[in-house]
């Protein structure tokens, strides 16, 4: 498989894909079933959008990962990779 990845700014049309990537990644690695409903995740994301610069990694139209940096503190507060891309040799390209 050809590895074609694009780092680009998050846009509002990414919202649903990012939310599902975030939720799936969290639950695939933490071993903890987050008790908050999806509506809470969506609201948390809307809050992040206000204070963070967000980039996504896109592979042939599929979101692979995202990162969010708080623009006031310069802190990387979110870095998540889609579960199917974790622990893969080609994920080094991320």
N, C-alpha and C. Protein backbone atom coordinates (compact mmCIF):
# COMPACT_ATOMS: atom_id res chain seq x y z
N UNK A 1 0.85 -1.18 0.00
CA UNK A 1 0.00 0.00 0.00
C UNK A 1 0.90 1.24 0.00
N UNK A 2 0.60 2.15 -0.89
CA UNK A 2 1.32 3.42 -0.96
C UNK A 2 0.91 4.28 0.23
N UNK A 3 1.88 4.83 0.91
CA UNK A 3 1.62 5.69 2.05
C UNK A 3 1.63 7.14 1.60
N UNK A 4 0.43 7.70 1.46
CA UNK A 4 0.27 9.09 1.03
C UNK A 4 -0.47 9.82 2.15
N UNK A 5 0.27 10.61 2.91
CA UNK A 5 -0.34 11.31 4.03
C UNK A 5 -0.20 12.81 3.85
N UNK A 6 -1.23 13.50 4.28
CA UNK A 6 -1.25 14.95 4.18
C UNK A 6 -1.54 15.52 5.56
N UNK A 7 -0.66 16.39 6.02
CA UNK A 7 -0.89 17.15 7.25
C UNK A 7 -1.59 18.43 6.84
N UNK A 8 -2.75 18.67 7.43
CA UNK A 8 -3.51 19.86 7.05
C UNK A 8 -4.28 20.39 8.25
N UNK A 9 -4.73 21.61 8.11
CA UNK A 9 -5.53 22.23 9.17
C UNK A 9 -6.88 21.52 9.28
N UNK A 10 -7.35 21.38 10.49
CA UNK A 10 -8.69 20.86 10.76
C UNK A 10 -9.71 21.83 10.16
N UNK A 11 -10.78 21.28 9.60
CA UNK A 11 -11.88 22.12 9.13
C UNK A 11 -13.19 21.53 9.65
N UNK A 12 -14.22 22.33 9.66
CA UNK A 12 -15.49 21.93 10.28
C UNK A 12 -16.08 20.67 9.67
N UNK A 13 -15.78 20.39 8.42
CA UNK A 13 -16.30 19.16 7.81
C UNK A 13 -15.64 17.90 8.37
N UNK A 14 -14.54 18.06 9.10
CA UNK A 14 -13.86 16.93 9.75
C UNK A 14 -14.51 16.53 11.07
N UNK A 15 -15.44 17.33 11.56
CA UNK A 15 -15.96 17.19 12.93
C UNK A 15 -16.35 15.75 13.28
N UNK A 16 -17.27 15.16 12.55
CA UNK A 16 -17.75 13.81 12.90
C UNK A 16 -16.64 12.78 12.84
N UNK A 17 -15.80 12.85 11.82
CA UNK A 17 -14.69 11.89 11.70
C UNK A 17 -13.70 12.04 12.85
N UNK A 18 -13.40 13.27 13.24
CA UNK A 18 -12.47 13.50 14.35
C UNK A 18 -13.06 13.00 15.66
N UNK A 19 -14.33 13.26 15.89
CA UNK A 19 -14.97 12.80 17.13
C UNK A 19 -14.90 11.28 17.23
N UNK A 20 -15.21 10.60 16.15
CA UNK A 20 -15.19 9.13 16.17
C UNK A 20 -13.77 8.59 16.29
N UNK A 21 -12.80 9.25 15.65
CA UNK A 21 -11.40 8.85 15.80
C UNK A 21 -10.96 9.02 17.25
N UNK A 22 -11.28 10.16 17.84
CA UNK A 22 -10.92 10.47 19.22
C UNK A 22 -11.49 9.42 20.17
N UNK A 23 -12.79 9.15 20.02
CA UNK A 23 -13.48 8.19 20.90
C UNK A 23 -12.87 6.79 20.74
N UNK A 24 -12.70 6.36 19.48
CA UNK A 24 -12.17 5.02 19.22
C UNK A 24 -10.73 4.88 19.72
N UNK A 25 -9.92 5.91 19.49
CA UNK A 25 -8.53 5.85 19.93
C UNK A 25 -8.44 5.80 21.45
N UNK A 26 -9.21 6.63 22.11
CA UNK A 26 -9.23 6.65 23.58
C UNK A 26 -9.56 5.26 24.12
N UNK A 27 -10.62 4.67 23.61
CA UNK A 27 -11.08 3.39 24.13
C UNK A 27 -10.19 2.22 23.72
N UNK A 28 -9.42 2.38 22.64
CA UNK A 28 -8.56 1.28 22.20
C UNK A 28 -7.27 1.21 23.00
N UNK A 29 -6.89 2.31 23.63
CA UNK A 29 -5.59 2.31 24.30
C UNK A 29 -5.65 2.45 25.81
N UNK A 30 -6.72 2.99 26.32
CA UNK A 30 -6.72 3.28 27.75
C UNK A 30 -7.17 2.10 28.61
N UNK A 31 -7.91 1.16 28.00
CA UNK A 31 -8.45 0.06 28.79
C UNK A 31 -9.58 0.52 29.70
N UNK A 32 -9.99 1.75 29.51
CA UNK A 32 -11.03 2.35 30.35
C UNK A 32 -12.19 2.77 29.46
N UNK A 33 -13.37 2.30 29.77
CA UNK A 33 -14.56 2.69 29.02
C UNK A 33 -15.03 4.04 29.56
N UNK A 34 -14.86 5.06 28.78
CA UNK A 34 -15.25 6.40 29.20
C UNK A 34 -16.75 6.44 29.40
N UNK A 35 -17.18 6.95 30.52
CA UNK A 35 -18.59 6.91 30.88
C UNK A 35 -19.42 8.04 30.29
N UNK A 36 -18.80 9.03 29.71
CA UNK A 36 -19.54 10.18 29.17
C UNK A 36 -20.17 9.83 27.82
N UNK A 37 -21.37 10.32 27.57
CA UNK A 37 -22.02 10.06 26.28
C UNK A 37 -21.34 10.84 25.15
N UNK A 38 -21.59 10.42 23.92
CA UNK A 38 -20.98 11.06 22.76
C UNK A 38 -21.28 12.56 22.72
N UNK A 39 -22.45 12.97 23.16
CA UNK A 39 -22.79 14.41 23.16
C UNK A 39 -21.78 15.20 24.00
N UNK A 40 -21.31 14.62 25.09
CA UNK A 40 -20.30 15.30 25.92
C UNK A 40 -18.96 15.41 25.19
N UNK A 41 -18.59 14.37 24.46
CA UNK A 41 -17.36 14.41 23.67
C UNK A 41 -17.45 15.52 22.64
N UNK A 42 -18.62 15.62 21.99
CA UNK A 42 -18.80 16.65 20.97
C UNK A 42 -18.71 18.05 21.57
N UNK A 43 -19.29 18.24 22.75
CA UNK A 43 -19.20 19.55 23.39
C UNK A 43 -17.76 19.86 23.80
N UNK A 44 -17.06 18.88 24.30
CA UNK A 44 -15.65 19.07 24.68
C UNK A 44 -14.84 19.49 23.45
N UNK A 45 -15.14 18.86 22.32
CA UNK A 45 -14.43 19.22 21.09
C UNK A 45 -14.72 20.66 20.69
N UNK A 46 -15.98 21.06 20.79
CA UNK A 46 -16.35 22.45 20.46
C UNK A 46 -15.58 23.43 21.35
N UNK A 47 -15.38 23.04 22.61
CA UNK A 47 -14.59 23.88 23.52
C UNK A 47 -13.12 23.94 23.07
N UNK A 48 -12.58 22.79 22.64
CA UNK A 48 -11.20 22.75 22.16
C UNK A 48 -11.02 23.62 20.92
N UNK A 49 -11.98 23.62 20.05
CA UNK A 49 -11.89 24.42 18.82
C UNK A 49 -11.67 25.90 19.11
N UNK A 50 -12.19 26.36 20.23
CA UNK A 50 -12.10 27.78 20.58
C UNK A 50 -10.70 28.19 21.04
N UNK A 51 -9.94 27.26 21.59
CA UNK A 51 -8.67 27.62 22.22
C UNK A 51 -7.45 26.90 21.63
N UNK A 52 -7.67 26.05 20.65
CA UNK A 52 -6.59 25.22 20.12
C UNK A 52 -6.42 25.39 18.61
N UNK A 53 -5.20 25.22 18.19
CA UNK A 53 -4.88 25.06 16.77
C UNK A 53 -4.88 23.55 16.53
N UNK A 54 -5.65 23.10 15.55
CA UNK A 54 -5.83 21.66 15.34
C UNK A 54 -5.39 21.30 13.93
N UNK A 55 -4.61 20.24 13.84
CA UNK A 55 -4.22 19.69 12.54
C UNK A 55 -4.64 18.24 12.49
N UNK A 56 -4.89 17.77 11.27
CA UNK A 56 -5.24 16.37 11.06
C UNK A 56 -4.26 15.77 10.07
N UNK A 57 -4.13 14.47 10.13
CA UNK A 57 -3.36 13.73 9.14
C UNK A 57 -4.37 12.91 8.35
N UNK A 58 -4.34 13.10 7.06
CA UNK A 58 -5.28 12.49 6.13
C UNK A 58 -4.52 11.52 5.23
N UNK A 59 -5.05 10.32 5.10
CA UNK A 59 -4.48 9.33 4.18
C UNK A 59 -5.55 8.96 3.17
N UNK A 60 -5.43 9.48 1.98
CA UNK A 60 -6.36 9.18 0.88
C UNK A 60 -7.81 9.39 1.29
N UNK A 61 -8.07 10.51 1.98
CA UNK A 61 -9.43 10.87 2.37
C UNK A 61 -9.89 10.31 3.71
N UNK A 62 -9.05 9.55 4.37
CA UNK A 62 -9.39 8.98 5.68
C UNK A 62 -8.54 9.65 6.75
N UNK A 63 -9.19 10.12 7.83
CA UNK A 63 -8.42 10.72 8.92
C UNK A 63 -7.67 9.63 9.67
N UNK A 64 -6.40 9.87 9.86
CA UNK A 64 -5.52 8.90 10.51
C UNK A 64 -5.18 9.35 11.93
N UNK A 65 -5.05 10.67 12.12
CA UNK A 65 -4.65 11.19 13.42
C UNK A 65 -4.98 12.68 13.49
N UNK A 66 -4.91 13.19 14.71
CA UNK A 66 -5.03 14.64 14.88
C UNK A 66 -4.21 15.07 16.08
N UNK A 67 -3.87 16.35 16.07
CA UNK A 67 -3.16 16.96 17.19
C UNK A 67 -3.78 18.32 17.45
N UNK A 68 -3.85 18.69 18.72
CA UNK A 68 -4.41 19.98 19.11
C UNK A 68 -3.46 20.66 20.10
N UNK A 69 -3.08 21.89 19.77
CA UNK A 69 -2.17 22.68 20.59
C UNK A 69 -2.92 23.89 21.12
N UNK A 70 -2.85 24.08 22.43
CA UNK A 70 -3.45 25.26 23.04
C UNK A 70 -2.63 26.47 22.61
N UNK A 71 -3.28 27.40 21.94
CA UNK A 71 -2.55 28.54 21.37
C UNK A 71 -2.10 29.55 22.42
N UNK A 72 -2.69 29.54 23.60
CA UNK A 72 -2.29 30.47 24.64
C UNK A 72 -1.12 29.95 25.47
N UNK A 73 -1.09 28.63 25.68
CA UNK A 73 -0.04 28.05 26.52
C UNK A 73 1.02 27.31 25.72
N UNK A 74 0.77 27.11 24.42
CA UNK A 74 1.68 26.34 23.55
C UNK A 74 1.87 24.90 24.05
N UNK A 75 0.80 24.34 24.61
CA UNK A 75 0.83 22.97 25.12
C UNK A 75 0.09 22.06 24.15
N UNK A 76 0.73 20.96 23.78
CA UNK A 76 0.07 19.93 22.99
C UNK A 76 -0.85 19.16 23.93
N UNK A 77 -2.14 19.38 23.80
CA UNK A 77 -3.06 18.76 24.77
C UNK A 77 -3.75 17.52 24.23
N UNK A 78 -3.74 17.36 22.94
CA UNK A 78 -4.39 16.19 22.34
C UNK A 78 -3.51 15.66 21.21
N UNK A 79 -3.29 14.35 21.20
CA UNK A 79 -2.61 13.68 20.10
C UNK A 79 -3.17 12.27 20.04
N UNK A 80 -3.96 12.01 19.03
CA UNK A 80 -4.64 10.72 18.93
C UNK A 80 -4.47 10.14 17.53
N UNK A 81 -4.32 8.83 17.48
CA UNK A 81 -4.15 8.09 16.23
C UNK A 81 -5.27 7.06 16.14
N UNK A 82 -5.84 6.92 14.96
CA UNK A 82 -6.90 5.93 14.74
C UNK A 82 -6.39 4.54 15.12
N UNK A 83 -7.20 3.74 15.79
CA UNK A 83 -6.74 2.43 16.27
C UNK A 83 -6.12 1.55 15.18
N UNK A 84 -6.68 1.57 13.99
CA UNK A 84 -6.15 0.71 12.92
C UNK A 84 -4.78 1.17 12.42
N UNK A 85 -4.33 2.35 12.83
CA UNK A 85 -3.02 2.86 12.44
C UNK A 85 -1.99 2.74 13.56
N UNK A 86 -2.42 2.35 14.73
CA UNK A 86 -1.48 2.21 15.86
C UNK A 86 -0.62 0.97 15.67
N UNK A 87 0.63 1.08 16.14
CA UNK A 87 1.57 -0.03 16.16
C UNK A 87 1.82 -0.65 14.79
N UNK A 88 1.77 0.17 13.77
CA UNK A 88 2.05 -0.30 12.42
C UNK A 88 3.37 0.32 11.99
N UNK A 89 4.16 -0.44 11.32
CA UNK A 89 5.47 0.07 10.87
C UNK A 89 5.30 1.31 10.02
N UNK A 90 4.25 1.35 9.18
CA UNK A 90 4.08 2.52 8.34
C UNK A 90 3.52 3.71 9.09
N UNK A 91 3.15 3.55 10.34
CA UNK A 91 2.70 4.69 11.15
C UNK A 91 3.88 5.60 11.49
N UNK A 92 5.10 5.12 11.24
CA UNK A 92 6.27 5.99 11.45
C UNK A 92 6.18 7.25 10.61
N UNK A 93 5.44 7.18 9.51
CA UNK A 93 5.26 8.34 8.65
C UNK A 93 4.40 9.42 9.29
N UNK A 94 3.69 9.05 10.31
CA UNK A 94 2.85 10.02 11.04
C UNK A 94 3.76 10.82 11.91
